[in-house]
Structures are given as C-alpha cells and as structure tokens.
C-alpha cells in the first residue's frame, strides 16, 4: 500500500497545473467529510481558484517558500527588541 508521504512526494513532482487539479479534487472530497460541509461561498471560491490555476492566471507559490517566509516572520517577531 502506498503511504501518504510517498503520494505527496510524487504529487510535488508534477507541474503546477496538475498539482492544482489534484488539490482541487482533494479539497472537493473534503467538502462532506469529517470537517463538515463547506459553505456554497467556499465551494465557489475553491472552484474559481482552481479555474484560475488551470488557466495559468494564478501565481502558484511553492509551499517551501511560504513556510520559509512564515518562519522568518515568526523569528523576527520573537527576536528581542
């Protein structure tokens, strides 16, 4: 059986459009999961963002970059003044 980490590593090797499509499908599968049903407004927003990503109109930022920026911001806030 394939482990979640292996699936994630394989997905991260895909081009951004393919990753966006997979992410959209995964998010859609969660809409009626243990997290509860998403509101129609969120469903619409997810679909809009997915369409933008698939059309190449969205700036896709790698998670590593986002996490690094957040970590840098947190470290700056924790630094003594």
N, C-alpha and C. Protein backbone atom coordinates (compact mmCIF):
# COMPACT_ATOMS: atom_id res chain seq x y z
N UNK A 1 0.84 -1.18 0.00
CA UNK A 1 0.00 0.00 0.00
C UNK A 1 0.88 1.25 0.00
N UNK A 2 0.53 2.24 -0.79
CA UNK A 2 1.29 3.47 -0.88
C UNK A 2 1.02 4.34 0.35
N UNK A 3 2.08 4.85 0.92
CA UNK A 3 1.97 5.69 2.10
C UNK A 3 1.68 7.14 1.70
N UNK A 4 0.98 7.90 2.55
CA UNK A 4 0.66 9.29 2.23
C UNK A 4 1.88 10.12 1.86
N UNK A 5 2.99 9.92 2.53
CA UNK A 5 4.21 10.70 2.23
C UNK A 5 4.69 10.41 0.81
N UNK A 6 4.62 9.16 0.38
CA UNK A 6 5.03 8.80 -0.98
C UNK A 6 4.12 9.47 -2.01
N UNK A 7 2.83 9.52 -1.71
CA UNK A 7 1.87 10.16 -2.61
C UNK A 7 2.19 11.65 -2.71
N UNK A 8 2.44 12.28 -1.56
CA UNK A 8 2.76 13.71 -1.55
C UNK A 8 4.03 13.98 -2.34
N UNK A 9 5.07 13.20 -2.13
CA UNK A 9 6.33 13.40 -2.84
C UNK A 9 6.14 13.27 -4.35
N UNK A 10 5.34 12.30 -4.76
CA UNK A 10 5.08 12.13 -6.19
C UNK A 10 4.28 13.31 -6.73
N UNK A 11 3.29 13.77 -5.96
CA UNK A 11 2.47 14.89 -6.41
C UNK A 11 3.28 16.17 -6.54
N UNK A 12 4.22 16.38 -5.65
CA UNK A 12 5.04 17.60 -5.70
C UNK A 12 5.97 17.64 -6.91
N UNK A 13 6.16 16.51 -7.56
CA UNK A 13 6.99 16.47 -8.76
C UNK A 13 6.20 16.86 -10.01
N UNK A 14 4.89 16.97 -9.89
CA UNK A 14 4.04 17.34 -11.03
C UNK A 14 4.15 18.83 -11.30
N UNK A 15 3.73 19.22 -12.51
CA UNK A 15 3.76 20.66 -12.81
C UNK A 15 2.63 21.34 -12.03
N UNK A 16 2.71 22.66 -11.85
CA UNK A 16 1.74 23.37 -11.02
C UNK A 16 0.28 23.16 -11.43
N UNK A 17 0.01 23.10 -12.71
CA UNK A 17 -1.38 22.91 -13.14
C UNK A 17 -1.91 21.55 -12.70
N UNK A 18 -1.08 20.52 -12.84
CA UNK A 18 -1.50 19.18 -12.41
C UNK A 18 -1.69 19.14 -10.89
N UNK A 19 -0.78 19.79 -10.15
CA UNK A 19 -0.92 19.83 -8.69
C UNK A 19 -2.20 20.55 -8.29
N UNK A 20 -2.51 21.65 -8.97
CA UNK A 20 -3.72 22.41 -8.66
C UNK A 20 -4.96 21.56 -8.91
N UNK A 21 -4.95 20.81 -9.99
CA UNK A 21 -6.11 19.96 -10.29
C UNK A 21 -6.30 18.89 -9.21
N UNK A 22 -5.20 18.28 -8.80
CA UNK A 22 -5.27 17.26 -7.75
C UNK A 22 -5.72 17.89 -6.43
N UNK A 23 -5.16 19.05 -6.11
CA UNK A 23 -5.55 19.73 -4.87
C UNK A 23 -7.03 20.05 -4.89
N UNK A 24 -7.53 20.50 -6.03
CA UNK A 24 -8.95 20.80 -6.13
C UNK A 24 -9.81 19.58 -5.89
N UNK A 25 -9.41 18.47 -6.46
CA UNK A 25 -10.18 17.24 -6.25
C UNK A 25 -10.13 16.78 -4.81
N UNK A 26 -8.96 16.93 -4.18
CA UNK A 26 -8.85 16.53 -2.77
C UNK A 26 -9.72 17.44 -1.91
N UNK A 27 -9.65 18.75 -2.16
CA UNK A 27 -10.49 19.68 -1.41
C UNK A 27 -11.97 19.38 -1.60
N UNK A 28 -12.33 19.06 -2.83
CA UNK A 28 -13.72 18.73 -3.10
C UNK A 28 -14.15 17.49 -2.32
N UNK A 29 -13.25 16.52 -2.20
CA UNK A 29 -13.59 15.31 -1.47
C UNK A 29 -13.77 15.57 0.02
N UNK A 30 -13.21 16.66 0.52
CA UNK A 30 -13.34 17.01 1.93
C UNK A 30 -14.60 17.79 2.23
N UNK A 31 -15.28 18.25 1.20
CA UNK A 31 -16.43 19.12 1.42
C UNK A 31 -17.52 18.47 2.24
N UNK A 32 -17.61 17.16 2.24
CA UNK A 32 -18.60 16.48 3.06
C UNK A 32 -17.94 15.42 3.93
N UNK A 33 -16.78 15.76 4.45
CA UNK A 33 -16.03 14.81 5.26
C UNK A 33 -16.26 15.09 6.74
N UNK A 34 -15.34 14.61 7.54
CA UNK A 34 -15.41 14.83 8.98
C UNK A 34 -15.32 16.31 9.32
N UNK A 35 -14.83 17.12 8.39
CA UNK A 35 -14.72 18.56 8.63
C UNK A 35 -16.04 19.27 8.40
N UNK A 36 -17.03 18.57 7.96
CA UNK A 36 -18.33 19.17 7.70
C UNK A 36 -18.42 19.66 6.26
N UNK A 37 -19.61 20.05 5.89
CA UNK A 37 -19.86 20.52 4.53
C UNK A 37 -19.38 21.95 4.40
N UNK A 38 -18.69 22.22 3.30
CA UNK A 38 -18.25 23.59 3.04
C UNK A 38 -19.44 24.43 2.60
N UNK A 39 -19.38 25.69 2.92
CA UNK A 39 -20.45 26.59 2.51
C UNK A 39 -20.40 26.77 1.00
N UNK A 40 -21.53 27.12 0.39
CA UNK A 40 -21.54 27.36 -1.05
C UNK A 40 -20.53 28.45 -1.46
N UNK A 41 -20.33 29.44 -0.61
CA UNK A 41 -19.38 30.50 -0.92
C UNK A 41 -17.96 29.95 -1.02
N UNK A 42 -17.59 29.05 -0.09
CA UNK A 42 -16.25 28.44 -0.15
C UNK A 42 -16.12 27.51 -1.35
N UNK A 43 -17.17 26.77 -1.64
CA UNK A 43 -17.15 25.90 -2.82
C UNK A 43 -16.90 26.73 -4.07
N UNK A 44 -17.60 27.87 -4.19
CA UNK A 44 -17.42 28.75 -5.35
C UNK A 44 -16.00 29.30 -5.40
N UNK A 45 -15.47 29.70 -4.25
CA UNK A 45 -14.11 30.26 -4.20
C UNK A 45 -13.07 29.21 -4.60
N UNK A 46 -13.24 28.00 -4.12
CA UNK A 46 -12.31 26.93 -4.47
C UNK A 46 -12.34 26.68 -5.98
N UNK A 47 -13.52 26.62 -6.53
CA UNK A 47 -13.65 26.38 -7.97
C UNK A 47 -13.05 27.54 -8.78
N UNK A 48 -13.26 28.78 -8.31
CA UNK A 48 -12.69 29.94 -9.00
C UNK A 48 -11.17 29.87 -9.00
N UNK A 49 -10.61 29.56 -7.83
CA UNK A 49 -9.14 29.47 -7.72
C UNK A 49 -8.59 28.34 -8.57
N UNK A 50 -9.29 27.23 -8.60
CA UNK A 50 -8.86 26.10 -9.42
C UNK A 50 -8.87 26.48 -10.89
N UNK A 51 -9.95 27.13 -11.34
CA UNK A 51 -10.01 27.57 -12.75
C UNK A 51 -8.88 28.55 -13.07
N UNK A 52 -8.61 29.48 -12.16
CA UNK A 52 -7.52 30.44 -12.36
C UNK A 52 -6.18 29.71 -12.48
N UNK A 53 -5.95 28.74 -11.61
CA UNK A 53 -4.68 27.99 -11.64
C UNK A 53 -4.56 27.20 -12.93
N UNK A 54 -5.63 26.52 -13.32
CA UNK A 54 -5.59 25.72 -14.55
C UNK A 54 -5.39 26.58 -15.79
N UNK A 55 -5.91 27.82 -15.75
CA UNK A 55 -5.78 28.72 -16.90
C UNK A 55 -4.45 29.47 -16.89
N UNK A 56 -3.66 29.28 -15.83
CA UNK A 56 -2.38 29.96 -15.75
C UNK A 56 -2.49 31.40 -15.29
N UNK A 57 -3.61 31.77 -14.69
CA UNK A 57 -3.83 33.15 -14.24
C UNK A 57 -3.50 33.35 -12.77
N UNK A 58 -3.07 32.31 -12.10
CA UNK A 58 -2.77 32.41 -10.67
C UNK A 58 -1.28 32.24 -10.46
N UNK A 59 -0.75 32.97 -9.49
CA UNK A 59 0.64 32.78 -9.13
C UNK A 59 0.70 31.66 -8.10
N UNK A 60 1.29 30.56 -8.48
CA UNK A 60 1.40 29.41 -7.58
C UNK A 60 2.74 29.50 -6.86
N UNK A 61 2.69 29.51 -5.55
CA UNK A 61 3.88 29.66 -4.73
C UNK A 61 4.18 28.33 -4.05
N UNK A 62 5.40 27.83 -4.21
CA UNK A 62 5.75 26.55 -3.57
C UNK A 62 5.58 26.63 -2.05
N UNK A 63 5.07 25.58 -1.47
CA UNK A 63 4.84 25.54 -0.03
C UNK A 63 6.11 25.82 0.75
N UNK A 64 7.24 25.33 0.26
CA UNK A 64 8.50 25.54 0.97
C UNK A 64 8.79 27.03 1.11
N UNK A 65 8.50 27.79 0.07
CA UNK A 65 8.73 29.24 0.12
C UNK A 65 7.78 29.90 1.12
N UNK A 66 6.52 29.50 1.10
CA UNK A 66 5.55 30.06 2.03
C UNK A 66 5.96 29.77 3.46
N UNK A 67 6.32 28.52 3.73
CA UNK A 67 6.71 28.15 5.09
C UNK A 67 7.95 28.90 5.54
N UNK A 68 8.91 29.07 4.63
CA UNK A 68 10.13 29.81 4.96
C UNK A 68 9.81 31.26 5.29
N UNK A 69 8.92 31.87 4.53
CA UNK A 69 8.54 33.26 4.80
C UNK A 69 7.82 33.38 6.14
N UNK A 70 6.93 32.44 6.43
CA UNK A 70 6.22 32.47 7.71
C UNK A 70 7.20 32.26 8.86
N UNK A 71 8.10 31.31 8.71
CA UNK A 71 9.10 31.06 9.75
C UNK A 71 9.96 32.30 9.98
N UNK A 72 10.38 32.96 8.90
CA UNK A 72 11.15 34.19 9.03
C UNK A 72 10.39 35.27 9.77
N UNK A 73 9.12 35.42 9.45
CA UNK A 73 8.28 36.40 10.14
C UNK A 73 8.13 36.07 11.62
N UNK A 74 7.92 34.80 11.94
CA UNK A 74 7.80 34.39 13.34
C UNK A 74 9.09 34.63 14.10
N UNK A 75 10.22 34.34 13.49
CA UNK A 75 11.51 34.56 14.14
C UNK A 75 11.73 36.05 14.38
N UNK A 76 11.35 36.88 13.43
CA UNK A 76 11.50 38.32 13.58
C UNK A 76 10.64 38.83 14.73
N UNK A 77 9.46 38.28 14.88
CA UNK A 77 8.57 38.71 15.98
C UNK A 77 9.07 38.25 17.34
N UNK A 78 9.77 37.11 17.36
CA UNK A 78 10.28 36.56 18.62
C UNK A 78 11.60 37.21 19.04
N UNK A 79 12.28 37.84 18.12
CA UNK A 79 13.60 38.41 18.40
C UNK A 79 13.48 39.54 19.44
N UNK A 80 14.43 39.59 20.36
CA UNK A 80 14.40 40.68 21.34
C UNK A 80 14.59 42.03 20.65
N UNK A 81 13.91 43.02 21.18
CA UNK A 81 13.98 44.35 20.56
C UNK A 81 14.85 45.25 21.34
